Amino acid sequence: MNEVEDVAYYQSPLGIILLKANKEAITIVSFQDAEPASIVYSNSSLLQNAVQQLDEYFRGTRRHFELPLAPAGTDFQQSVWKELVQLSFGTTITYLQLAKRLGNVKSIRAAASANGKNPLAIIIPCHRVIGADGKLTGYAGGLHRKQWLLEHEARVCGSPVLFPES
């Protein structure tokens, strides 16, 4: 039986973001390339809190989200997403570093795949994972958005260049 979810749309500097939540947690935060037929303003306090925290993030006053999260995924995907939440604002790591943090360098492709299937854009900061050569690779929301998010975090931190964490 599918649980009913509340839905809201948020106008970000990068376009419309769709948010969904069940009664306990945020389940979806995703960029929308097409304008929705109508903008929904949810009465859900959980979604209102998520929108407020996204506003603070985009204004540069929030570096860490404090929301209950319930992304749907496999156990391995969940482990990747838990690792991504640990990434510091304004920093990056490579896919290889992510695989090492998960305890298996051979899992690099699986980690990259799980990173790409993250259903909670920005809140689970998959945009902070870059290629080994320092180039931006793969982002479900589009590389232009990934670049904007990384540059935004660098500006907030007062850092002109982002270096992978060790």
C-alpha atoms as a PDB file:
ATOM      1  CA  MET A   1       0.000   0.000   0.000  1.00  0.00           C
ATOM      2  CA  ASN A   2       1.443   3.379  -1.025  1.00  0.00           C
ATOM      3  CA  GLU A   3       1.590   6.055   1.607  1.00  0.00           C
ATOM      4  CA  VAL A   4       0.071   9.420   0.686  1.00  0.00           C
ATOM      5  CA  GLU A   5       2.686  12.120   0.267  1.00  0.00           C
ATOM      6  CA  ASP A   6       2.413  15.877   0.586  1.00  0.00           C
ATOM      7  CA  VAL A   7       3.818  17.822  -2.362  1.00  0.00           C
ATOM      8  CA  ALA A   8       5.213  21.327  -2.698  1.00  0.00           C
ATOM      9  CA  TYR A   9       7.135  23.282  -5.306  1.00  0.00           C
ATOM     10  CA  TYR A  10       9.888  25.727  -4.457  1.00  0.00           C
ATOM     11  CA  GLN A  11      11.246  28.441  -6.761  1.00  0.00           C
ATOM     12  CA  SER A  12      15.017  28.320  -6.310  1.00  0.00           C
ATOM     13  CA  PRO A  13      17.711  30.352  -8.061  1.00  0.00           C
ATOM     14  CA  LEU A  14      18.213  27.211 -10.182  1.00  0.00           C
ATOM     15  CA  GLY A  15      14.578  26.701 -11.128  1.00  0.00           C
ATOM     16  CA  ILE A  16      11.634  24.864  -9.692  1.00  0.00           C
ATOM     17  CA  ILE A  17      12.312  22.185  -7.079  1.00  0.00           C
ATOM     18  CA  LEU A  18       9.732  19.504  -6.315  1.00  0.00           C
ATOM     19  CA  LEU A  19       9.496  18.429  -2.673  1.00  0.00           C
ATOM     20  CA  LYS A  20       7.588  15.448  -1.316  1.00  0.00           C
ATOM     21  CA  ALA A  21       7.141  14.228   2.229  1.00  0.00           C
ATOM     22  CA  ASN A  22       5.253  11.516   4.027  1.00  0.00           C
ATOM     23  CA  LYS A  23       3.972  12.129   7.554  1.00  0.00           C
ATOM     24  CA  GLU A  24       7.418  11.615   9.094  1.00  0.00           C
ATOM     25  CA  ALA A  25      10.095  12.722   6.633  1.00  0.00           C
ATOM     26  CA  ILE A  26      11.177  14.324   3.376  1.00  0.00           C
ATOM     27  CA  THR A  27      11.225  11.724   0.588  1.00  0.00           C
ATOM     28  CA  ILE A  28      11.968  13.690  -2.613  1.00  0.00           C
ATOM     29  CA  VAL A  29      13.792  16.916  -3.457  1.00  0.00           C
ATOM     30  CA  SER A  30      14.357  17.158  -7.205  1.00  0.00           C
ATOM     31  CA  PHE A  31      14.914  19.799  -9.842  1.00  0.00           C
ATOM     32  CA  GLN A  32      12.161  20.140 -12.422  1.00  0.00           C
ATOM     33  CA  ASP A  33      13.064  21.080 -15.967  1.00  0.00           C
ATOM     34  CA  ALA A  34       9.465  21.810 -16.927  1.00  0.00           C
ATOM     35  CA  GLU A  35       7.222  24.264 -15.158  1.00  0.00           C
ATOM     36  CA  PRO A  36       4.482  22.475 -13.212  1.00  0.00           C
ATOM     37  CA  ALA A  37       0.891  23.035 -14.305  1.00  0.00           C
ATOM     38  CA  SER A  38       0.301  24.766 -10.974  1.00  0.00           C
ATOM     39  CA  ILE A  39       2.458  25.715  -8.034  1.00  0.00           C
ATOM     40  CA  VAL A  40       1.400  23.938  -4.863  1.00  0.00           C
ATOM     41  CA  TYR A  41       1.809  25.556  -1.475  1.00  0.00           C
ATOM     42  CA  SER A  42       1.676  22.781   1.063  1.00  0.00           C
ATOM     43  CA  ASN A  43       0.183  23.068   4.524  1.00  0.00           C
ATOM     44  CA  SER A  44       2.655  20.428   5.689  1.00  0.00           C
ATOM     45  CA  SER A  45       4.856  21.894   8.405  1.00  0.00           C
ATOM     46  CA  LEU A  46       7.567  19.449   7.355  1.00  0.00           C
ATOM     47  CA  LEU A  47       7.584  20.766   3.784  1.00  0.00           C
ATOM     48  CA  GLN A  48       7.351  24.363   4.989  1.00  0.00           C
ATOM     49  CA  ASN A  49      10.406  23.732   7.175  1.00  0.00           C
ATOM     50  CA  ALA A  50      12.236  22.192   4.203  1.00  0.00           C
ATOM     51  CA  VAL A  51      11.426  25.223   2.041  1.00  0.00           C
ATOM     52  CA  GLN A  52      12.632  27.562   4.807  1.00  0.00           C
ATOM     53  CA  GLN A  53      15.908  25.629   5.106  1.00  0.00           C
ATOM     54  CA  LEU A  54      16.386  25.669   1.323  1.00  0.00           C
ATOM     55  CA  ASP A  55      15.828  29.452   1.383  1.00  0.00           C
ATOM     56  CA  GLU A  56      18.494  29.757   4.083  1.00  0.00           C
ATOM     57  CA  TYR A  57      20.875  27.543   2.072  1.00  0.00           C
ATOM     58  CA  PHE A  58      20.453  29.681  -1.045  1.00  0.00           C
ATOM     59  CA  ARG A  59      20.901  32.890   0.994  1.00  0.00           C
ATOM     60  CA  GLY A  60      24.131  31.440   2.363  1.00  0.00           C
ATOM     61  CA  THR A  61      23.023  31.301   5.988  1.00  0.00           C
ATOM     62  CA  ARG A  62      22.563  27.512   6.245  1.00  0.00           C
ATOM     63  CA  ARG A  63      25.353  24.989   5.756  1.00  0.00           C
ATOM     64  CA  HIS A  64      23.671  21.870   7.138  1.00  0.00           C
ATOM     65  CA  PHE A  65      20.090  20.677   6.831  1.00  0.00           C
ATOM     66  CA  GLU A  66      18.194  19.538   9.899  1.00  0.00           C
ATOM     67  CA  LEU A  67      15.295  17.576   8.484  1.00  0.00           C
ATOM     68  CA  PRO A  68      14.021  14.034   8.910  1.00  0.00           C
ATOM     69  CA  LEU A  69      14.850  12.198   5.683  1.00  0.00           C
ATOM     70  CA  ALA A  70      13.436   9.008   4.181  1.00  0.00           C
ATOM     71  CA  PRO A  71      14.979   8.454   0.759  1.00  0.00           C
ATOM     72  CA  ALA A  72      13.846   5.207  -0.869  1.00  0.00           C
ATOM     73  CA  GLY A  73      16.721   2.995  -1.953  1.00  0.00           C
ATOM     74  CA  THR A  74      18.682  -0.198  -1.460  1.00  0.00           C
ATOM     75  CA  ASP A  75      20.829  -0.794   1.597  1.00  0.00           C
ATOM     76  CA  PHE A  76      23.937   0.077  -0.426  1.00  0.00           C
ATOM     77  CA  GLN A  77      22.369   3.292  -1.748  1.00  0.00           C
ATOM     78  CA  GLN A  78      21.380   4.204   1.807  1.00  0.00           C
ATOM     79  CA  SER A  79      24.993   3.695   2.949  1.00  0.00           C
ATOM     80  CA  VAL A  80      26.240   5.989   0.165  1.00  0.00           C
ATOM     81  CA  TRP A  81      23.691   8.663   1.007  1.00  0.00           C
ATOM     82  CA  LYS A  82      24.577   8.495   4.709  1.00  0.00           C
ATOM     83  CA  GLU A  83      28.198   9.078   3.742  1.00  0.00           C
ATOM     84  CA  LEU A  84      27.250  12.023   1.515  1.00  0.00           C
ATOM     85  CA  VAL A  85      25.430  13.733   4.385  1.00  0.00           C
ATOM     86  CA  GLN A  86      28.770  13.768   6.247  1.00  0.00           C
ATOM     87  CA  LEU A  87      30.441  15.902   3.543  1.00  0.00           C
ATOM     88  CA  SER A  88      31.238  19.373   4.792  1.00  0.00           C
ATOM     89  CA  PHE A  89      29.639  22.387   3.164  1.00  0.00           C
ATOM     90  CA  GLY A  90      31.971  23.957   0.608  1.00  0.00           C
ATOM     91  CA  THR A  91      34.149  20.877   0.115  1.00  0.00           C
ATOM     92  CA  THR A  92      34.318  18.146  -2.477  1.00  0.00           C
ATOM     93  CA  ILE A  93      35.495  14.558  -2.697  1.00  0.00           C
ATOM     94  CA  THR A  94      36.104  12.290  -5.662  1.00  0.00           C
ATOM     95  CA  TYR A  95      34.140   9.164  -6.492  1.00  0.00           C
ATOM     96  CA  LEU A  96      37.223   7.127  -5.533  1.00  0.00           C
ATOM     97  CA  GLN A  97      37.383   8.858  -2.142  1.00  0.00           C
ATOM     98  CA  LEU A  98      33.694   8.093  -1.676  1.00  0.00           C
ATOM     99  CA  ALA A  99      34.310   4.404  -2.433  1.00  0.00           C
ATOM    100  CA  LYS A 100      37.211   4.380   0.050  1.00  0.00           C
ATOM    101  CA  ARG A 101      34.993   5.919   2.732  1.00  0.00           C
ATOM    102  CA  LEU A 102      32.538   3.098   2.094  1.00  0.00           C
ATOM    103  CA  GLY A 103      35.360   0.632   2.716  1.00  0.00           C
ATOM    104  CA  ASN A 104      35.799  -0.796  -0.783  1.00  0.00           C
ATOM    105  CA  VAL A 105      37.665   0.971  -3.599  1.00  0.00           C
ATOM    106  CA  LYS A 106      36.212  -1.583  -6.021  1.00  0.00           C
ATOM    107  CA  SER A 107      32.744  -0.188  -5.324  1.00  0.00           C
ATOM    108  CA  ILE A 108      33.532   3.066  -7.143  1.00  0.00           C
ATOM    109  CA  ARG A 109      31.042   2.472  -9.988  1.00  0.00           C
ATOM    110  CA  ALA A 110      28.317   1.301  -7.622  1.00  0.00           C
ATOM    111  CA  ALA A 111      28.967   4.324  -5.389  1.00  0.00           C
ATOM    112  CA  ALA A 112      28.787   6.631  -8.412  1.00  0.00           C
ATOM    113  CA  SER A 113      25.524   5.002  -9.485  1.00  0.00           C
ATOM    114  CA  ALA A 114      24.021   5.380  -6.002  1.00  0.00           C
ATOM    115  CA  ASN A 115      25.216   8.993  -5.921  1.00  0.00           C
ATOM    116  CA  GLY A 116      23.350   9.604  -9.178  1.00  0.00           C
ATOM    117  CA  LYS A 117      20.156   8.051  -7.817  1.00  0.00           C
ATOM    118  CA  ASN A 118      20.036  10.314  -4.766  1.00  0.00           C
ATOM    119  CA  PRO A 119      16.379  11.392  -4.457  1.00  0.00           C
ATOM    120  CA  LEU A 120      17.140  14.342  -2.138  1.00  0.00           C
ATOM    121  CA  ALA A 121      19.092  16.885  -4.185  1.00  0.00           C
ATOM    122  CA  ILE A 122      21.006  19.514  -2.203  1.00  0.00           C
ATOM    123  CA  ILE A 123      19.883  18.096   1.164  1.00  0.00           C
ATOM    124  CA  ILE A 124      21.943  14.954   0.557  1.00  0.00           C
ATOM    125  CA  PRO A 125      24.837  16.799  -1.124  1.00  0.00           C
ATOM    126  CA  CYS A 126      25.670  14.504  -4.038  1.00  0.00           C
ATOM    127  CA  HIS A 127      26.777  17.629  -5.936  1.00  0.00           C
ATOM    128  CA  ARG A 128      29.944  17.628  -3.781  1.00  0.00           C
ATOM    129  CA  VAL A 129      31.296  14.507  -5.506  1.00  0.00           C
ATOM    130  CA  ILE A 130      33.536  15.209  -8.508  1.00  0.00           C
ATOM    131  CA  GLY A 131      35.729  13.288 -10.929  1.00  0.00           C
ATOM    132  CA  ALA A 132      39.279  12.238 -10.032  1.00  0.00           C
ATOM    133  CA  ASP A 133      40.623  14.896 -12.385  1.00  0.00           C
ATOM    134  CA  GLY A 134      38.676  17.608 -10.538  1.00  0.00           C
ATOM    135  CA  LYS A 135      36.095  17.909 -13.318  1.00  0.00           C
ATOM    136  CA  LEU A 136      32.382  17.947 -12.798  1.00  0.00           C
ATOM    137  CA  THR A 137      30.776  14.699 -13.839  1.00  0.00           C
ATOM    138  CA  GLY A 138      27.244  13.420 -13.652  1.00  0.00           C
ATOM    139  CA  TYR A 139      24.495  15.255 -11.845  1.00  0.00           C
ATOM    140  CA  ALA A 140      20.830  14.357 -12.223  1.00  0.00           C
ATOM    141  CA  GLY A 141      19.897  18.038 -11.971  1.00  0.00           C
ATOM    142  CA  GLY A 142      22.313  18.975 -14.760  1.00  0.00           C
ATOM    143  CA  LEU A 143      25.980  19.933 -14.647  1.00  0.00           C
ATOM    144  CA  HIS A 144      25.101  23.651 -14.797  1.00  0.00           C
ATOM    145  CA  ARG A 145      23.272  23.268 -11.487  1.00  0.00           C
ATOM    146  CA  LYS A 146      26.098  21.230  -9.948  1.00  0.00           C
ATOM    147  CA  GLN A 147      28.580  23.940 -10.920  1.00  0.00           C
ATOM    148  CA  TRP A 148      26.311  26.666  -9.530  1.00  0.00           C
ATOM    149  CA  LEU A 149      25.883  24.819  -6.203  1.00  0.00           C
ATOM    150  CA  LEU A 150      29.637  24.273  -5.809  1.00  0.00           C
ATOM    151  CA  GLU A 151      30.402  27.899  -6.699  1.00  0.00           C
ATOM    152  CA  HIS A 152      27.681  29.082  -4.292  1.00  0.00           C
ATOM    153  CA  GLU A 153      29.184  27.065  -1.437  1.00  0.00           C
ATOM    154  CA  ALA A 154      32.681  28.303  -2.290  1.00  0.00           C
ATOM    155  CA  ARG A 155      31.433  31.934  -2.228  1.00  0.00           C
ATOM    156  CA  VAL A 156      29.739  31.433   1.136  1.00  0.00           C
ATOM    157  CA  CYS A 157      32.949  29.895   2.526  1.00  0.00           C
ATOM    158  CA  GLY A 158      35.084  32.640   0.978  1.00  0.00           C
ATOM    159  CA  SER A 159      37.022  30.026  -0.957  1.00  0.00           C
ATOM    160  CA  PRO A 160      37.678  30.618  -4.652  1.00  0.00           C
ATOM    161  CA  VAL A 161      38.570  26.980  -5.344  1.00  0.00           C
ATOM    162  CA  LEU A 162      37.143  23.760  -3.964  1.00  0.00           C
ATOM    163  CA  PHE A 163      39.615  20.989  -3.221  1.00  0.00           C
ATOM    164  CA  PRO A 164      38.707  17.392  -2.462  1.00  0.00           C
ATOM    165  CA  GLU A 165      38.768  16.545   1.243  1.00  0.00           C
ATOM    166  CA  SER A 166      41.461  14.085   2.259  1.00  0.00           C
END
